[in-house]
Amino acid sequence: MKNSRNLLSMLSIKDETLKIVEEGEKKCRQFLTKIDDVVLYNQAKVLTAFQQNKIGQRHMTLSTGYGYDDIGRDGLEQLYACVFKTEDALVRPQIVSGTHAIALCLYGILRPGDELLSITGRPYDTLEETIGIRDSEGNGSLKELGVSYNEIDINHMETLNKSSFEKYITEKTKMIFIQRSKGYQWRPSLSIENMKKIINILKDINKDLIILIDNCYGEFTQTTEPTEIGADIIAGSLIKNPGGGLCPTGGYIAGPSDLIERITYRYSSPGIGREVGSYAASYLPFFQGLFMAPHVVGQAIKSAILFSTVFKDLGYEVNPQPEEERCDIIQSIKFPTAKQLISFCQGIQKGSPIDSFVQPEPWEMPGYDHKVIMAAGTFIQGASIELSADAPVKPPYIAYVQGGLTYEHAKIGLATALQAIQD
């Protein structure tokens, strides 16, 4: 369209680049409209939770010191429990990341002699030292505390039935860990439908198994959450999906009251638990962010579909495919060389509202055992519900694109990334 080309010329996007993006948009339009039904359902679910919990202006207040009787904090936790259909929730700005939220679950529930079994392969890199898989001596990892670990990968199993899992579950197995999103793996993310089948099998083997879901990147991508289909505990970050792009920090955990109580003792200390934890800024962005989350997640999914369509048409390997069901907000794109991978990420950064003038370079990021490049010109530092991309700089050269507060911005970011590769 003439107007859009005139507009985008201000951003120095070439006409031929814009044509590629517009052609891709035409091809995937039918997939984009399907997302609206999911957004509408989840928006109604969140709105109902606000109304049922009588959230009011009184919940937007701040607290200081110990934070006793913090009505905003307590109301927010009741709201999260309602949205995720659980008995209880722990939602705090003091939980600094999704990794921190998951670590609280692990340390709060597991005891010496227990075993943690991951069934989606190796967890995300930042959990490796927590578990004790990598360089954890003296760090107080689960391994040091006498908690053993084992892993299998359901993506490499021929069949998923009771006998497939029985040989891996022993008397020591206390918790099953499931990573909903693909993380730094070239595999499908786990759908709610498949997750339900797996949880039913596991509970049939041992009803007392505690199922912990790393829910990062997956919230509101489907109309059902893991705690509605048998998972015991879910955990995630507020600067991803449920924060709606407005939360400045924080993480959440949702599940049954008895397990949440044990986790709160790890969050603060035994005997004190959840009763403390003040926040001297308003809780307004936490409430408003959750309310906005279904819409913002829908924008991010549409953005991912457009990236998938355009790069597939250009001959790149993509995962998932444009027409596939979305179970998280991440789009993986495989590049033939490290140079193209780095240029792509630098192009995403160039199309960002914040720090667009910065050129990201691969660096040894804490929690990873290889150099990583991260493009994140975001309002909230590291917020992956905003348009961003990161990649381990090692073969195969895969970029993981996520987020997009608005589809329109993602469209522009896609154009700047394409142009960076072509230049």
Protein backbone atom coordinates (compact mmCIF):
# COMPACT_ATOMS: atom_id res chain seq x y z
CA MET A 1 0.00 0.00 0.00
CA LYS A 2 1.26 3.47 -0.92
CA ASN A 3 0.62 5.02 2.50
CA SER A 4 2.43 2.28 4.38
CA ARG A 5 5.40 2.54 2.05
CA ASN A 6 5.58 6.29 2.56
CA LEU A 7 5.37 5.76 6.31
CA LEU A 8 7.98 3.02 6.46
CA SER A 9 10.34 5.01 4.28
CA MET A 10 10.89 7.15 7.38
CA LEU A 11 12.44 4.05 8.95
CA SER A 12 14.68 3.50 5.89
CA ILE A 13 13.00 0.24 4.96
CA LYS A 14 13.47 -0.60 1.29
CA ASP A 15 10.45 -1.08 -0.93
CA GLU A 16 11.44 -4.62 -1.94
CA THR A 17 11.76 -5.62 1.72
CA LEU A 18 8.29 -4.30 2.51
CA LYS A 19 6.87 -6.20 -0.47
CA ILE A 20 8.21 -9.47 0.96
CA VAL A 21 6.55 -8.77 4.32
CA GLU A 22 3.24 -7.78 2.73
CA GLU A 23 3.15 -10.90 0.56
CA GLY A 24 3.77 -13.02 3.63
CA GLU A 25 0.98 -11.24 5.47
CA LYS A 26 -1.48 -12.04 2.68
CA LYS A 27 -0.55 -15.73 2.84
CA CYS A 28 -0.97 -16.09 6.59
CA ARG A 29 -4.06 -13.90 7.11
CA GLN A 30 -6.32 -16.93 7.55
CA PHE A 31 -4.14 -18.18 10.43
CA LEU A 32 -4.03 -14.76 12.08
CA THR A 33 -7.81 -14.47 12.37
CA LYS A 34 -8.04 -17.81 14.21
CA ILE A 35 -6.13 -16.30 17.12
CA ASP A 36 -8.96 -13.85 17.85
CA ASP A 37 -11.22 -16.57 19.27
CA VAL A 38 -8.55 -17.62 21.77
CA VAL A 39 -8.00 -14.01 22.78
CA LEU A 40 -11.71 -13.39 23.31
CA TYR A 41 -12.13 -16.49 25.47
CA ASN A 42 -9.11 -15.69 27.64
CA GLN A 43 -10.13 -12.04 27.95
CA ALA A 44 -13.54 -13.13 29.25
CA LYS A 45 -11.87 -15.51 31.70
CA VAL A 46 -9.59 -12.81 33.10
CA LEU A 47 -12.39 -10.23 33.27
CA THR A 48 -14.60 -12.69 35.16
CA ALA A 49 -11.81 -13.27 37.68
CA PHE A 50 -11.47 -9.53 38.28
CA GLN A 51 -15.19 -9.23 38.87
CA GLN A 52 -15.52 -12.32 41.08
CA ASN A 53 -12.66 -11.14 43.31
CA LYS A 54 -14.09 -7.60 43.55
CA ILE A 55 -10.83 -5.96 42.53
CA GLY A 56 -11.02 -2.22 43.26
CA GLN A 57 -8.94 0.90 43.55
CA ARG A 58 -7.99 -0.12 47.09
CA HIS A 59 -5.85 -2.93 45.59
CA MET A 60 -3.62 -0.47 43.72
CA THR A 61 -2.02 0.87 46.90
CA LEU A 62 1.60 0.43 47.95
CA SER A 63 3.11 -1.04 51.11
CA THR A 64 6.40 -0.67 52.96
CA GLY A 65 8.50 -2.46 55.56
CA TYR A 66 7.35 -5.98 56.30
CA GLY A 67 4.25 -5.60 54.19
CA TYR A 68 1.86 -7.13 56.70
CA ASP A 69 -1.78 -7.19 55.50
CA ASP A 70 -0.85 -5.85 52.06
CA ILE A 71 -4.28 -5.80 50.39
CA GLY A 72 -2.87 -5.22 46.92
CA ARG A 73 -0.45 -8.13 47.12
CA ASP A 74 -3.03 -10.48 48.63
CA GLY A 75 -5.69 -9.46 46.11
CA LEU A 76 -3.30 -10.05 43.22
CA GLU A 77 -2.55 -13.57 44.48
CA GLN A 78 -6.25 -14.37 44.82
CA LEU A 79 -6.75 -13.13 41.28
CA TYR A 80 -4.01 -15.34 39.86
CA ALA A 81 -5.39 -18.37 41.68
CA CYS A 82 -8.80 -17.65 40.17
CA VAL A 83 -7.48 -17.17 36.61
CA PHE A 84 -5.40 -20.37 36.73
CA LYS A 85 -8.11 -22.35 38.56
CA THR A 86 -5.97 -23.23 41.59
CA GLU A 87 -6.45 -23.07 45.35
CA ASP A 88 -3.66 -20.60 45.90
CA ALA A 89 -0.90 -18.57 44.29
CA LEU A 90 2.30 -16.73 45.17
CA VAL A 91 2.75 -13.60 43.03
CA ARG A 92 5.57 -11.30 44.05
CA PRO A 93 7.78 -8.57 42.59
CA GLN A 94 10.60 -10.12 44.65
CA ILE A 95 10.55 -13.21 42.39
CA VAL A 96 13.09 -11.98 39.88
CA SER A 97 12.56 -14.36 36.95
CA GLY A 98 10.89 -17.53 35.72
CA THR A 99 14.00 -19.46 36.75
CA HIS A 100 13.69 -18.06 40.28
CA ALA A 101 10.01 -19.04 40.44
CA ILE A 102 10.79 -22.60 39.35
CA ALA A 103 13.73 -22.82 41.77
CA LEU A 104 11.42 -21.80 44.63
CA CYS A 105 9.14 -24.70 43.70
CA LEU A 106 12.02 -27.18 43.55
CA TYR A 107 13.64 -26.12 46.82
CA GLY A 108 10.31 -25.67 48.57
CA ILE A 109 8.93 -29.11 47.79
CA LEU A 110 11.84 -31.52 47.25
CA ARG A 111 13.77 -33.03 50.16
CA PRO A 112 16.99 -35.10 50.48
CA GLY A 113 16.45 -38.53 48.96
CA ASP A 114 13.80 -37.34 46.49
CA GLU A 115 14.25 -37.53 42.75
CA LEU A 116 13.32 -34.94 40.14
CA LEU A 117 12.47 -36.39 36.72
CA SER A 118 12.33 -34.09 33.70
CA ILE A 119 10.34 -35.67 30.86
CA THR A 120 10.90 -32.94 28.25
CA GLY A 121 14.63 -33.43 28.06
CA ARG A 122 17.24 -31.03 29.39
CA PRO A 123 15.61 -28.01 31.07
CA TYR A 124 16.34 -24.46 30.03
CA ASP A 125 20.00 -23.55 30.49
CA THR A 126 19.50 -21.29 33.50
CA LEU A 127 18.15 -24.18 35.58
CA GLU A 128 21.18 -26.42 35.10
CA GLU A 129 23.15 -25.06 38.04
CA THR A 130 20.06 -25.09 40.27
CA ILE A 131 19.59 -28.79 39.60
CA GLY A 132 23.31 -29.55 39.72
CA ILE A 133 23.76 -30.67 36.13
CA ARG A 134 26.56 -28.15 35.49
CA ASP A 135 29.30 -26.51 37.57
CA SER A 136 27.33 -26.37 40.80
CA GLU A 137 29.85 -27.36 43.48
CA GLY A 138 29.44 -25.08 46.47
CA ASN A 139 26.37 -23.37 45.00
CA GLY A 140 23.79 -25.20 47.11
CA SER A 141 22.28 -27.01 44.14
CA LEU A 142 19.64 -29.70 44.54
CA LYS A 143 22.36 -32.27 43.89
CA GLU A 144 24.40 -30.95 46.82
CA LEU A 145 21.31 -31.16 49.03
CA GLY A 146 20.77 -34.84 48.20
CA VAL A 147 18.08 -34.52 45.52
CA SER A 148 18.81 -36.74 42.53
CA TYR A 149 17.92 -35.95 38.95
CA ASN A 150 17.03 -37.91 35.84
CA GLU A 151 15.71 -36.92 32.44
CA ILE A 152 13.97 -38.42 29.46
CA ASP A 153 12.62 -36.74 26.36
CA ILE A 154 9.06 -37.55 25.31
CA ASN A 155 9.84 -36.13 21.87
CA HIS A 156 12.21 -39.06 21.27
CA MET A 157 9.87 -41.77 22.58
CA GLU A 158 8.10 -43.95 20.02
CA THR A 159 4.94 -44.33 22.09
CA LEU A 160 3.52 -42.48 25.07
CA ASN A 161 1.77 -44.97 27.31
CA LYS A 162 2.02 -46.33 30.83
CA SER A 163 4.82 -48.77 30.03
CA SER A 164 6.83 -45.98 28.38
CA PHE A 165 7.15 -44.16 31.71
CA GLU A 166 7.01 -46.92 34.33
CA LYS A 167 10.67 -47.93 34.01
CA TYR A 168 11.79 -44.35 34.75
CA ILE A 169 9.60 -43.73 37.79
CA THR A 170 10.97 -45.21 40.99
CA GLU A 171 10.07 -45.02 44.67
CA LYS A 172 12.37 -41.98 44.92
CA THR A 173 10.63 -40.05 42.14
CA LYS A 174 8.81 -37.21 43.87
CA MET A 175 8.36 -34.62 41.14
CA ILE A 176 7.91 -34.62 37.37
CA PHE A 177 9.18 -31.52 35.58
CA ILE A 178 7.60 -30.51 32.27
CA GLN A 179 8.82 -27.57 30.22
CA ARG A 180 5.88 -26.37 28.19
CA SER A 181 7.87 -24.24 25.76
CA LYS A 182 10.62 -25.56 23.51
CA GLY A 183 13.30 -23.37 25.08
CA TYR A 184 16.58 -23.70 23.16
CA GLN A 185 15.44 -26.89 21.46
CA TRP A 186 14.24 -27.64 17.95
CA ARG A 187 11.05 -29.43 18.93
CA PRO A 188 7.32 -28.75 19.12
CA SER A 189 6.16 -26.94 22.21
CA LEU A 190 3.80 -29.02 24.31
CA SER A 191 0.11 -28.49 23.67
CA ILE A 192 -2.46 -28.67 26.45
CA GLU A 193 -4.07 -31.67 24.75
CA ASN A 194 -0.84 -33.69 24.73
CA MET A 195 0.07 -32.51 28.19
CA LYS A 196 -3.26 -33.78 29.53
CA LYS A 197 -2.65 -37.26 28.07
CA ILE A 198 0.81 -37.41 29.61
CA ILE A 199 -0.33 -36.19 33.03
CA ASN A 200 -3.13 -38.77 33.09
CA ILE A 201 -0.61 -41.54 32.38
CA LEU A 202 1.77 -40.30 35.08
CA LYS A 203 -0.97 -39.99 37.70
CA ASP A 204 -2.16 -43.49 36.81
CA ILE A 205 1.33 -44.79 37.62
CA ASN A 206 1.51 -42.85 40.90
CA LYS A 207 -1.24 -40.45 41.94
CA ASP A 208 1.11 -38.80 44.47
CA LEU A 209 3.59 -37.58 41.85
CA ILE A 210 3.85 -33.80 41.88
CA ILE A 211 3.66 -32.39 38.36
CA LEU A 212 5.51 -29.07 37.99
CA ILE A 213 5.04 -27.13 34.74
CA ASP A 214 7.44 -24.46 33.56
CA ASN A 215 4.66 -22.32 32.08
CA CYS A 216 6.91 -19.58 30.70
CA TYR A 217 5.86 -18.31 27.25
CA GLY A 218 2.71 -20.48 27.29
CA GLU A 219 0.17 -18.52 29.32
CA PHE A 220 -2.99 -17.55 27.38
CA THR A 221 -1.79 -19.10 24.12
CA GLN A 222 -4.59 -21.66 24.41
CA THR A 223 -7.95 -21.52 26.18
CA THR A 224 -6.90 -23.92 28.95
CA GLU A 225 -3.99 -23.76 31.37
CA PRO A 226 -2.00 -26.77 32.72
CA THR A 227 -3.54 -26.52 36.21
CA GLU A 228 -6.96 -27.12 34.63
CA ILE A 229 -5.94 -30.51 33.24
CA GLY A 230 -4.17 -32.12 36.20
CA ALA A 231 -0.85 -30.31 36.70
CA ASP A 232 -0.15 -29.56 40.36
CA ILE A 233 2.07 -26.49 40.13
CA ILE A 234 2.79 -23.92 37.42
CA ALA A 235 5.41 -21.19 37.56
CA GLY A 236 6.42 -18.32 35.32
CA SER A 237 7.63 -14.77 34.91
CA LEU A 238 5.59 -11.58 34.98
CA ILE A 239 7.78 -9.95 32.33
CA LYS A 240 6.57 -12.60 29.92
CA ASN A 241 2.96 -13.40 28.97
CA PRO A 242 0.93 -12.77 32.16
CA GLY A 243 2.44 -9.33 32.74
CA GLY A 244 0.92 -8.03 29.53
CA GLY A 245 3.98 -5.89 28.82
CA LEU A 246 3.21 -3.65 31.81
CA CYS A 247 4.66 -5.50 34.79
CA PRO A 248 8.05 -4.05 35.71
CA THR A 249 9.28 -7.23 37.42
CA GLY A 250 8.13 -10.34 39.26
CA GLY A 251 7.10 -13.96 38.99
CA TYR A 252 4.21 -16.21 39.94
CA ILE A 253 3.52 -19.72 41.20
CA ALA A 254 0.03 -21.25 41.32
CA GLY A 255 -1.14 -24.54 42.80
CA PRO A 256 -2.69 -26.25 45.84
CA SER A 257 -2.53 -24.45 49.20
CA ASP A 258 -0.33 -27.02 50.95
CA LEU A 259 2.38 -26.89 48.28
CA ILE A 260 2.22 -23.11 47.96
CA GLU A 261 2.70 -22.83 51.73
CA ARG A 262 5.86 -24.95 51.57
CA ILE A 263 7.12 -22.82 48.71
CA THR A 264 6.49 -19.60 50.65
CA TYR A 265 8.80 -20.88 53.39
CA ARG A 266 11.55 -20.99 50.79
CA TYR A 267 10.49 -17.60 49.41
CA SER A 268 11.09 -15.96 52.82
CA SER A 269 11.74 -18.28 55.77
CA PRO A 270 10.00 -21.07 57.72
CA GLY A 271 7.39 -19.70 60.08
CA ILE A 272 7.07 -16.43 58.17
CA GLY A 273 6.24 -17.54 54.65
CA ARG A 274 3.93 -15.33 52.63
CA GLU A 275 3.06 -12.86 55.40
CA VAL A 276 5.91 -10.53 54.48
CA GLY A 277 6.99 -8.79 51.30
CA SER A 278 6.21 -5.14 50.71
CA TYR A 279 6.19 -3.18 47.46
CA ALA A 280 6.67 0.57 47.69
CA ALA A 281 5.33 1.17 44.20
CA SER A 282 1.77 0.76 43.01
CA TYR A 283 0.43 -2.69 42.11
CA LEU A 284 -1.52 -1.07 39.26
CA PRO A 285 0.76 -2.38 36.44
CA PHE A 286 0.48 -5.92 37.85
CA PHE A 287 -3.33 -5.83 37.74
CA GLN A 288 -3.55 -3.93 34.48
CA GLY A 289 -0.88 -6.13 32.91
CA LEU A 290 -2.82 -9.30 33.71
CA PHE A 291 -5.98 -7.73 32.30
CA MET A 292 -4.12 -6.83 29.07
CA ALA A 293 -2.30 -10.17 28.84
CA PRO A 294 -4.77 -12.11 26.62
CA HIS A 295 -4.73 -9.35 23.99
CA VAL A 296 -0.96 -8.82 24.12
CA VAL A 297 -0.29 -12.57 23.88
CA GLY A 298 -2.58 -12.66 20.84
CA GLN A 299 -0.49 -9.90 19.25
CA ALA A 300 2.69 -11.87 19.97
CA ILE A 301 1.27 -15.04 18.42
CA LYS A 302 0.19 -13.20 15.29
CA SER A 303 3.67 -11.70 15.08
CA ALA A 304 5.24 -15.18 15.34
CA ILE A 305 3.01 -16.50 12.55
CA LEU A 306 4.08 -13.66 10.27
CA PHE A 307 7.78 -14.31 10.98
CA SER A 308 7.25 -18.00 10.28
CA THR A 309 5.45 -17.36 6.98
CA VAL A 310 7.95 -14.87 5.60
CA PHE A 311 11.08 -16.84 6.48
CA LYS A 312 9.59 -20.12 5.26
CA ASP A 313 8.83 -18.50 1.92
CA LEU A 314 12.45 -17.32 1.76
CA GLY A 315 13.66 -20.91 2.18
CA TYR A 316 14.61 -20.96 5.84
CA GLU A 317 13.66 -23.75 8.23
CA VAL A 318 11.07 -22.57 10.74
CA ASN A 319 9.46 -24.10 13.81
CA PRO A 320 6.52 -24.06 14.19
CA GLN A 321 5.13 -23.87 10.68
CA PRO A 322 2.73 -20.99 9.92
CA GLU A 323 -0.36 -23.20 10.01
CA GLU A 324 0.50 -25.13 13.17
CA GLU A 325 -1.30 -24.64 16.47
CA ARG A 326 0.52 -22.24 18.78
CA CYS A 327 1.31 -23.45 22.30
CA ASP A 328 3.74 -20.65 23.16
CA ILE A 329 4.84 -17.31 21.72
CA ILE A 330 8.25 -18.47 20.45
CA GLN A 331 9.17 -18.73 16.77
CA SER A 332 12.39 -20.56 15.87
CA ILE A 333 14.26 -19.73 12.67
CA LYS A 334 17.32 -21.66 11.53
CA PHE A 335 20.09 -19.75 9.76
CA PRO A 336 22.88 -21.23 7.63
CA THR A 337 25.67 -19.16 9.20
CA ALA A 338 26.56 -17.39 12.44
CA LYS A 339 26.89 -14.15 10.47
CA GLN A 340 23.26 -14.28 9.30
CA LEU A 341 22.07 -15.19 12.79
CA ILE A 342 23.89 -12.22 14.32
CA SER A 343 22.70 -9.86 11.57
CA PHE A 344 19.11 -10.97 12.15
CA CYS A 345 19.28 -10.21 15.87
CA GLN A 346 20.96 -6.88 15.18
CA GLY A 347 18.11 -6.07 12.77
CA ILE A 348 15.51 -6.80 15.44
CA GLN A 349 17.36 -4.44 17.77
CA LYS A 350 17.46 -1.74 15.09
CA GLY A 351 13.68 -1.93 14.77
CA SER A 352 13.11 -1.52 18.50
CA PRO A 353 11.76 1.56 20.31
CA ILE A 354 14.43 1.44 23.02
CA ASP A 355 18.19 1.31 22.35
CA SER A 356 17.66 1.04 18.60
CA PHE A 357 21.10 2.63 18.18
CA VAL A 358 22.79 -0.24 20.06
CA GLN A 359 24.31 -3.14 18.15
CA PRO A 360 24.12 -6.36 20.20
CA GLU A 361 27.06 -8.75 20.10
CA PRO A 362 27.45 -12.34 21.38
CA TRP A 363 28.58 -12.47 25.02
CA GLU A 364 29.04 -14.93 27.85
CA MET A 365 25.76 -14.43 29.66
CA PRO A 366 25.36 -15.68 33.28
CA GLY A 367 23.61 -19.05 33.43
CA TYR A 368 24.71 -20.20 29.95
CA ASP A 369 27.68 -22.34 28.91
CA HIS A 370 28.10 -20.68 25.50
CA LYS A 371 27.97 -17.21 24.02
CA VAL A 372 24.49 -15.80 23.47
CA ILE A 373 23.30 -12.84 21.43
CA MET A 374 20.20 -11.05 22.66
CA ALA A 375 18.22 -8.36 20.86
CA ALA A 376 15.95 -6.68 23.37
CA GLY A 377 15.12 -3.06 22.73
CA THR A 378 12.41 -3.32 25.34
CA PHE A 379 10.78 -0.91 27.79
CA ILE A 380 11.16 -3.50 30.56
CA GLN A 381 14.69 -4.94 30.62
CA GLY A 382 14.63 -8.51 29.31
CA ALA A 383 10.86 -8.57 28.83
CA SER A 384 10.30 -11.27 26.23
CA ILE A 385 6.61 -10.44 25.78
CA GLU A 386 8.01 -7.43 23.94
CA LEU A 387 9.52 -8.07 20.51
CA SER A 388 12.92 -9.63 21.10
CA ALA A 389 15.21 -12.35 19.80
CA ASP A 390 18.00 -14.38 21.32
CA ALA A 391 20.21 -17.16 20.14
CA PRO A 392 23.08 -19.36 21.29
CA VAL A 393 25.86 -18.67 18.81
CA LYS A 394 26.63 -22.29 17.99
CA PRO A 395 25.52 -24.73 15.28
CA PRO A 396 22.75 -25.12 14.36
CA TYR A 397 22.31 -21.37 14.23
CA ILE A 398 18.80 -20.90 15.55
CA ALA A 399 17.21 -17.60 16.51
CA TYR A 400 14.33 -17.67 18.98
CA VAL A 401 11.96 -14.78 18.32
CA GLN A 402 9.29 -13.94 20.84
CA GLY A 403 6.86 -11.24 21.79
CA GLY A 404 5.42 -8.18 20.15
CA LEU A 405 3.30 -5.77 22.16
CA THR A 406 1.64 -4.83 18.89
CA TYR A 407 1.46 -6.78 15.65
CA GLU A 408 2.25 -3.59 13.75
CA HIS A 409 5.56 -3.13 15.53
CA ALA A 410 6.48 -6.77 14.90
CA LYS A 411 5.79 -6.25 11.22
CA ILE A 412 8.23 -3.34 11.19
CA GLY A 413 10.76 -5.32 13.24
CA LEU A 414 10.52 -8.17 10.75
CA ALA A 415 11.29 -5.76 7.91
CA THR A 416 14.35 -4.30 9.65
CA ALA A 417 15.63 -7.80 10.45
CA LEU A 418 15.18 -8.93 6.85
CA GLN A 419 16.99 -5.89 5.60
CA ALA A 420 19.88 -6.47 8.00
CA ILE A 421 20.37 -9.96 6.55
CA GLN A 422 20.17 -8.74 2.96
CA ASP A 423 22.53 -5.76 3.37
